[in-house]
Amino acid sequence: MASLNKVMIIGNLGADPEMRYTANGSAMTNFNVATNRVYTTRDGERREETEWFRVVAWERLAELCSQYLSKGRSVYVEGRMQTRSWDDQNGEKHYMTELHAQVVEFLGGRDAPFEGAAAPQMAVGADAEGDTEPDDLPF
């Protein structure tokens, strides 16, 4: 039986990205993206709802996101959803679902330095935590 785990979103960053390095030295950047949906109820009332996605980027993609993205910036993210779990100090189990980015395109938006020019984009193979080939770099 075939299966597919692929997510594509376009939205705006809710805060500046946060980059750090794992114990083995891999770069990792987290950022939150808000997507909006506008719809009309059966009563004719127009409503808007916002959905937040926690995005994780790895290696060179993480470095580029940390360097070029900022709060309010529009971004296209393509990747896969992953849920992880952990137990806190009280033994309670917690879950977090994240979008592990494989492609990120920097779009227009707040103080976008690339408006009118080709915005950098980064595509990473199916294993986003692996090495990035030089041919995959946008520069």
Protein backbone atom coordinates (compact mmCIF):
# COMPACT_ATOMS: atom_id res chain seq x y z
CA MET A 1 0.00 0.00 0.00
CA ALA A 2 1.38 3.42 -0.97
CA SER A 3 1.57 6.35 1.40
CA LEU A 4 2.49 10.01 1.16
CA ASN A 5 3.50 12.60 3.75
CA LYS A 6 3.81 15.93 1.95
CA VAL A 7 2.72 19.37 3.13
CA MET A 8 2.84 22.69 1.27
CA ILE A 9 2.04 25.99 2.98
CA ILE A 10 2.31 29.70 2.21
CA GLY A 11 2.13 32.07 5.14
CA ASN A 12 3.88 34.66 7.28
CA LEU A 13 6.42 34.20 10.05
CA GLY A 14 5.05 35.01 13.50
CA ALA A 15 8.49 35.71 14.97
CA ASP A 16 12.14 35.72 13.97
CA PRO A 17 13.63 32.24 13.37
CA GLU A 18 15.68 30.62 16.12
CA MET A 19 18.82 28.78 15.05
CA ARG A 20 20.89 26.43 17.18
CA TYR A 21 23.24 23.50 16.74
CA THR A 22 22.61 19.93 17.86
CA ALA A 23 25.13 18.02 19.97
CA ASN A 24 26.67 16.56 16.79
CA GLY A 25 27.04 20.03 15.22
CA SER A 26 24.07 20.01 12.83
CA ALA A 27 22.44 23.40 12.25
CA MET A 28 18.72 23.50 13.08
CA THR A 29 16.34 26.45 12.73
CA ASN A 30 12.77 26.65 14.09
CA PHE A 31 10.17 29.17 13.00
CA ASN A 32 6.39 29.48 13.12
CA VAL A 33 4.29 30.19 10.04
CA ALA A 34 0.70 31.43 10.14
CA THR A 35 -1.67 30.55 7.32
CA ASN A 36 -5.06 32.21 6.94
CA ARG A 37 -8.32 30.89 5.55
CA VAL A 38 -11.25 33.16 4.78
CA TYR A 39 -14.69 31.62 4.39
CA THR A 40 -18.37 32.52 4.53
CA THR A 41 -20.75 30.78 6.94
CA ARG A 42 -24.18 29.53 5.91
CA ASP A 43 -25.57 32.71 7.46
CA GLY A 44 -23.47 34.83 5.07
CA GLU A 45 -21.03 35.94 7.77
CA ARG A 46 -17.43 36.25 6.59
CA ARG A 47 -14.88 34.65 8.91
CA GLU A 48 -11.14 34.21 8.97
CA GLU A 49 -9.22 31.54 10.80
CA THR A 50 -5.49 31.21 11.32
CA GLU A 51 -3.56 27.95 11.51
CA TRP A 52 -0.03 27.92 12.93
CA PHE A 53 2.72 25.55 11.75
CA ARG A 54 5.95 24.91 13.62
CA VAL A 55 8.64 24.52 10.95
CA VAL A 56 12.05 22.86 11.39
CA ALA A 57 14.87 23.29 8.86
CA TRP A 58 18.20 21.49 8.94
CA GLU A 59 21.80 22.11 7.84
CA ARG A 60 22.35 24.68 5.03
CA LEU A 61 18.61 25.26 4.72
CA ALA A 62 18.54 26.12 8.44
CA GLU A 63 21.37 28.61 8.00
CA LEU A 64 19.66 30.32 5.04
CA CYS A 65 16.33 30.55 6.88
CA SER A 66 18.03 32.05 9.92
CA GLN A 67 19.87 34.58 7.76
CA TYR A 68 17.06 35.73 5.44
CA LEU A 69 13.76 35.20 7.27
CA SER A 70 12.27 37.52 9.87
CA LYS A 71 8.97 38.21 11.58
CA GLY A 72 6.21 39.08 9.10
CA ARG A 73 8.06 37.70 6.06
CA SER A 74 6.03 35.63 3.58
CA VAL A 75 7.35 32.16 2.88
CA TYR A 76 6.48 28.99 0.96
CA VAL A 77 7.42 25.79 2.79
CA GLU A 78 7.22 22.25 1.47
CA GLY A 79 8.07 19.24 3.57
CA ARG A 80 6.74 16.42 5.72
CA MET A 81 4.85 16.36 9.02
CA GLN A 82 6.47 14.62 11.97
CA THR A 83 5.13 14.18 15.49
CA ARG A 84 7.53 13.63 18.35
CA SER A 85 6.81 12.87 21.98
CA TRP A 86 8.59 13.24 25.30
CA ASP A 87 7.91 12.82 29.01
CA ASP A 88 8.23 15.87 31.26
CA GLN A 89 9.62 15.93 34.82
CA ASN A 90 6.23 14.79 36.19
CA GLY A 91 6.08 11.82 33.84
CA GLU A 92 3.38 13.39 31.63
CA LYS A 93 3.65 12.61 27.94
CA HIS A 94 3.69 15.58 25.54
CA TYR A 95 3.39 15.65 21.76
CA MET A 96 4.53 18.17 19.17
CA THR A 97 3.82 18.06 15.45
CA GLU A 98 6.31 19.83 13.22
CA LEU A 99 6.70 20.49 9.51
CA HIS A 100 10.20 19.35 8.55
CA ALA A 101 11.11 21.63 5.64
CA GLN A 102 12.58 20.20 2.48
CA VAL A 103 11.96 23.26 0.27
CA VAL A 104 11.73 26.88 1.43
CA GLU A 105 11.11 29.81 -0.90
CA PHE A 106 11.42 33.33 0.46
CA LEU A 107 8.51 35.41 -0.85
CA GLY A 108 7.73 39.12 -0.59
CA GLY A 109 6.61 40.61 2.67
CA ARG A 110 7.87 42.76 5.49
CA ASP A 111 11.20 44.33 4.50
CA ALA A 112 11.80 41.62 1.89
CA PRO A 113 15.28 42.26 0.48
CA PHE A 114 14.52 40.20 -2.64
CA GLU A 115 11.47 41.99 -4.07
CA GLY A 116 11.96 42.50 -7.79
CA ALA A 117 14.83 40.01 -7.83
CA ALA A 118 15.08 36.27 -7.68
CA ALA A 119 14.54 35.23 -4.10
CA PRO A 120 16.85 32.50 -2.82
CA GLN A 121 15.24 29.15 -2.39
CA MET A 122 16.61 25.97 -1.00
CA ALA A 123 15.63 22.45 -1.91
CA VAL A 124 16.87 19.56 0.16
CA GLY A 125 16.46 15.90 -0.69
CA ALA A 126 14.11 13.53 1.11
CA ASP A 127 16.54 13.24 4.02
CA ALA A 128 16.52 16.85 5.26
CA GLU A 129 18.90 16.02 8.09
CA GLY A 130 21.55 14.66 5.70
CA ASP A 131 24.31 16.34 3.73
CA THR A 132 23.39 18.93 1.11
CA GLU A 133 24.93 18.57 -2.34
CA PRO A 134 26.63 21.72 -3.73
CA ASP A 135 24.30 21.57 -6.77
CA ASP A 136 21.34 22.09 -4.41
CA LEU A 137 22.61 25.46 -3.17
CA PRO A 138 20.87 28.52 -4.63
CA PHE A 139 24.04 30.60 -4.97
